[in-house]
Amino acid sequence: MVDPRFGRCAYFIVVDPITEKLEAAANPAADAMGGAGPQAAQTVANKGVVGLITGNVGPNAFQTLKAANIRIFQFASGTVKEALAKYKKGELRELSDSSVPQHFGSSRGK
């Protein structure tokens, strides 16, 4: 299932959209005290990702992803397979701004 929280998800699933080869990578920022979004964004950027599918992304992570020229698409809920299928059909909305306020996925934000 796709986690609705980008910065605090447990894993990133990196998918080649053509071959559909998958790689699971642990998110080292999942339990960070602060700055999870930007840390997670840097991890994704370091993997060479050019497009991200996520439930939600906060403002700091959004800025870090955009600075790395990573396109961000929103997928509310479902499996990775469903997200990939919708991406391939052009059915996902590309975000032009963060989808949630700062600290949304932590205990400090709701």
C-alpha atoms as a PDB file:
ATOM      1  CA  MET A   1       0.000   0.000   0.000  1.00  0.00           C
ATOM      2  CA  VAL A   2       1.119   3.553  -0.704  1.00  0.00           C
ATOM      3  CA  ASP A   3       1.713   5.437   2.558  1.00  0.00           C
ATOM      4  CA  PRO A   4      -0.135   8.782   2.592  1.00  0.00           C
ATOM      5  CA  ARG A   5       2.845  10.412   4.355  1.00  0.00           C
ATOM      6  CA  PHE A   6       5.914  11.014   2.214  1.00  0.00           C
ATOM      7  CA  GLY A   7       8.459  12.074   4.836  1.00  0.00           C
ATOM      8  CA  ARG A   8       7.520   9.464   7.409  1.00  0.00           C
ATOM      9  CA  CYS A   9       6.802   6.457   5.189  1.00  0.00           C
ATOM     10  CA  ALA A  10       8.709   3.315   6.195  1.00  0.00           C
ATOM     11  CA  TYR A  11       9.964   2.510   2.689  1.00  0.00           C
ATOM     12  CA  PHE A  12      10.350   3.998  -0.749  1.00  0.00           C
ATOM     13  CA  ILE A  13       9.506   1.726  -3.651  1.00  0.00           C
ATOM     14  CA  VAL A  14      11.600   2.796  -6.632  1.00  0.00           C
ATOM     15  CA  VAL A  15      10.029   1.590  -9.872  1.00  0.00           C
ATOM     16  CA  ASP A  16      11.301   1.660 -13.425  1.00  0.00           C
ATOM     17  CA  PRO A  17       8.025   2.544 -15.201  1.00  0.00           C
ATOM     18  CA  ILE A  18       9.054   0.703 -18.372  1.00  0.00           C
ATOM     19  CA  THR A  19      10.369  -2.600 -16.990  1.00  0.00           C
ATOM     20  CA  GLU A  20       8.384  -2.327 -13.720  1.00  0.00           C
ATOM     21  CA  LYS A  21      11.473  -3.545 -11.856  1.00  0.00           C
ATOM     22  CA  LEU A  22      11.102  -2.645  -8.160  1.00  0.00           C
ATOM     23  CA  GLU A  23      13.600  -1.703  -5.494  1.00  0.00           C
ATOM     24  CA  ALA A  24      12.554  -1.240  -1.868  1.00  0.00           C
ATOM     25  CA  ALA A  25      14.642   1.224   0.138  1.00  0.00           C
ATOM     26  CA  ALA A  26      14.165   1.978   3.818  1.00  0.00           C
ATOM     27  CA  ASN A  27      13.425   5.611   4.649  1.00  0.00           C
ATOM     28  CA  PRO A  28      16.118   6.657   7.143  1.00  0.00           C
ATOM     29  CA  ALA A  29      14.059   9.756   8.033  1.00  0.00           C
ATOM     30  CA  ALA A  30      10.901   7.861   9.046  1.00  0.00           C
ATOM     31  CA  ASP A  31      11.587   8.287  12.774  1.00  0.00           C
ATOM     32  CA  ALA A  32      13.523  11.558  12.637  1.00  0.00           C
ATOM     33  CA  MET A  33      12.798  14.050  15.415  1.00  0.00           C
ATOM     34  CA  GLY A  34      12.491  16.829  12.854  1.00  0.00           C
ATOM     35  CA  GLY A  35      13.132  17.537   9.202  1.00  0.00           C
ATOM     36  CA  ALA A  36      11.836  14.170   8.021  1.00  0.00           C
ATOM     37  CA  GLY A  37      10.422  15.572   4.769  1.00  0.00           C
ATOM     38  CA  PRO A  38      13.594  17.231   3.465  1.00  0.00           C
ATOM     39  CA  GLN A  39      15.713  14.265   4.604  1.00  0.00           C
ATOM     40  CA  ALA A  40      13.390  11.842   2.806  1.00  0.00           C
ATOM     41  CA  ALA A  41      13.435  14.067  -0.287  1.00  0.00           C
ATOM     42  CA  GLN A  42      17.232  14.034  -0.329  1.00  0.00           C
ATOM     43  CA  THR A  43      17.240  10.229  -0.054  1.00  0.00           C
ATOM     44  CA  VAL A  44      14.906  10.001  -3.058  1.00  0.00           C
ATOM     45  CA  ALA A  45      16.991  12.510  -5.028  1.00  0.00           C
ATOM     46  CA  ASN A  46      20.157  10.528  -4.294  1.00  0.00           C
ATOM     47  CA  LYS A  47      18.503   7.474  -5.877  1.00  0.00           C
ATOM     48  CA  GLY A  48      18.140   9.369  -9.161  1.00  0.00           C
ATOM     49  CA  VAL A  49      14.350   9.465  -9.034  1.00  0.00           C
ATOM     50  CA  VAL A  50      12.728  11.808 -11.594  1.00  0.00           C
ATOM     51  CA  GLY A  51       9.097  11.354 -10.558  1.00  0.00           C
ATOM     52  CA  LEU A  52       7.484  10.716  -7.182  1.00  0.00           C
ATOM     53  CA  ILE A  53       4.045   9.308  -6.446  1.00  0.00           C
ATOM     54  CA  THR A  54       2.867   9.990  -2.902  1.00  0.00           C
ATOM     55  CA  GLY A  55      -0.236  10.569  -0.857  1.00  0.00           C
ATOM     56  CA  ASN A  56       0.882  13.877   0.598  1.00  0.00           C
ATOM     57  CA  VAL A  57       3.983  16.031   0.697  1.00  0.00           C
ATOM     58  CA  GLY A  58       4.682  18.931   3.044  1.00  0.00           C
ATOM     59  CA  PRO A  59       6.155  22.311   2.116  1.00  0.00           C
ATOM     60  CA  ASN A  60       9.781  21.633   3.083  1.00  0.00           C
ATOM     61  CA  ALA A  61       9.897  18.276   1.306  1.00  0.00           C
ATOM     62  CA  PHE A  62       8.148  19.824  -1.699  1.00  0.00           C
ATOM     63  CA  GLN A  63      10.819  22.526  -2.003  1.00  0.00           C
ATOM     64  CA  THR A  64      13.643  19.972  -1.689  1.00  0.00           C
ATOM     65  CA  LEU A  65      12.078  17.712  -4.325  1.00  0.00           C
ATOM     66  CA  LYS A  66      11.488  20.616  -6.718  1.00  0.00           C
ATOM     67  CA  ALA A  67      15.074  21.815  -6.254  1.00  0.00           C
ATOM     68  CA  ALA A  68      16.159  18.326  -7.380  1.00  0.00           C
ATOM     69  CA  ASN A  69      13.841  18.585 -10.444  1.00  0.00           C
ATOM     70  CA  ILE A  70      11.645  15.729  -9.252  1.00  0.00           C
ATOM     71  CA  ARG A  71       8.046  15.793 -10.469  1.00  0.00           C
ATOM     72  CA  ILE A  72       5.483  15.048  -7.730  1.00  0.00           C
ATOM     73  CA  PHE A  73       2.211  13.216  -8.401  1.00  0.00           C
ATOM     74  CA  GLN A  74      -0.549  12.664  -5.866  1.00  0.00           C
ATOM     75  CA  PHE A  75      -2.134   9.251  -5.310  1.00  0.00           C
ATOM     76  CA  ALA A  76      -4.617   9.188  -2.419  1.00  0.00           C
ATOM     77  CA  SER A  77      -4.625   5.498  -1.513  1.00  0.00           C
ATOM     78  CA  GLY A  78      -4.083   2.065  -2.962  1.00  0.00           C
ATOM     79  CA  THR A  79      -1.275  -0.236  -3.956  1.00  0.00           C
ATOM     80  CA  VAL A  80       1.975   0.543  -5.707  1.00  0.00           C
ATOM     81  CA  LYS A  81       0.695  -1.438  -8.708  1.00  0.00           C
ATOM     82  CA  GLU A  82      -2.462   0.723  -8.869  1.00  0.00           C
ATOM     83  CA  ALA A  83      -0.404   3.916  -8.560  1.00  0.00           C
ATOM     84  CA  LEU A  84       1.901   2.843 -11.373  1.00  0.00           C
ATOM     85  CA  ALA A  85      -1.051   1.959 -13.622  1.00  0.00           C
ATOM     86  CA  LYS A  86      -2.665   5.365 -13.044  1.00  0.00           C
ATOM     87  CA  TYR A  87       0.686   7.087 -13.664  1.00  0.00           C
ATOM     88  CA  LYS A  88       1.124   5.286 -16.979  1.00  0.00           C
ATOM     89  CA  LYS A  89      -2.402   6.311 -18.051  1.00  0.00           C
ATOM     90  CA  GLY A  90      -1.745   9.955 -17.134  1.00  0.00           C
ATOM     91  CA  GLU A  91      -4.441   9.863 -14.456  1.00  0.00           C
ATOM     92  CA  LEU A  92      -2.425  11.289 -11.552  1.00  0.00           C
ATOM     93  CA  ARG A  93      -2.461  14.989 -10.687  1.00  0.00           C
ATOM     94  CA  GLU A  94       0.938  16.637 -10.665  1.00  0.00           C
ATOM     95  CA  LEU A  95       1.361  18.858  -7.614  1.00  0.00           C
ATOM     96  CA  SER A  96       2.391  22.467  -8.083  1.00  0.00           C
ATOM     97  CA  ASP A  97       2.610  23.059  -4.327  1.00  0.00           C
ATOM     98  CA  SER A  98       2.658  21.053  -1.096  1.00  0.00           C
ATOM     99  CA  SER A  99      -0.529  19.127  -0.371  1.00  0.00           C
ATOM    100  CA  VAL A 100      -0.445  19.452   3.429  1.00  0.00           C
ATOM    101  CA  PRO A 101       0.878  21.942   6.006  1.00  0.00           C
ATOM    102  CA  GLN A 102       4.216  21.621   7.774  1.00  0.00           C
ATOM    103  CA  HIS A 103       4.419  18.806  10.386  1.00  0.00           C
ATOM    104  CA  PHE A 104       1.326  17.045   8.947  1.00  0.00           C
ATOM    105  CA  GLY A 105       2.706  13.510   9.307  1.00  0.00           C
ATOM    106  CA  SER A 106       4.194  14.026  12.763  1.00  0.00           C
ATOM    107  CA  SER A 107       2.548  14.191  16.142  1.00  0.00           C
ATOM    108  CA  ARG A 108       2.899  18.018  16.015  1.00  0.00           C
ATOM    109  CA  GLY A 109       0.628  18.466  12.994  1.00  0.00           C
ATOM    110  CA  LYS A 110      -2.751  17.049  12.112  1.00  0.00           C
END
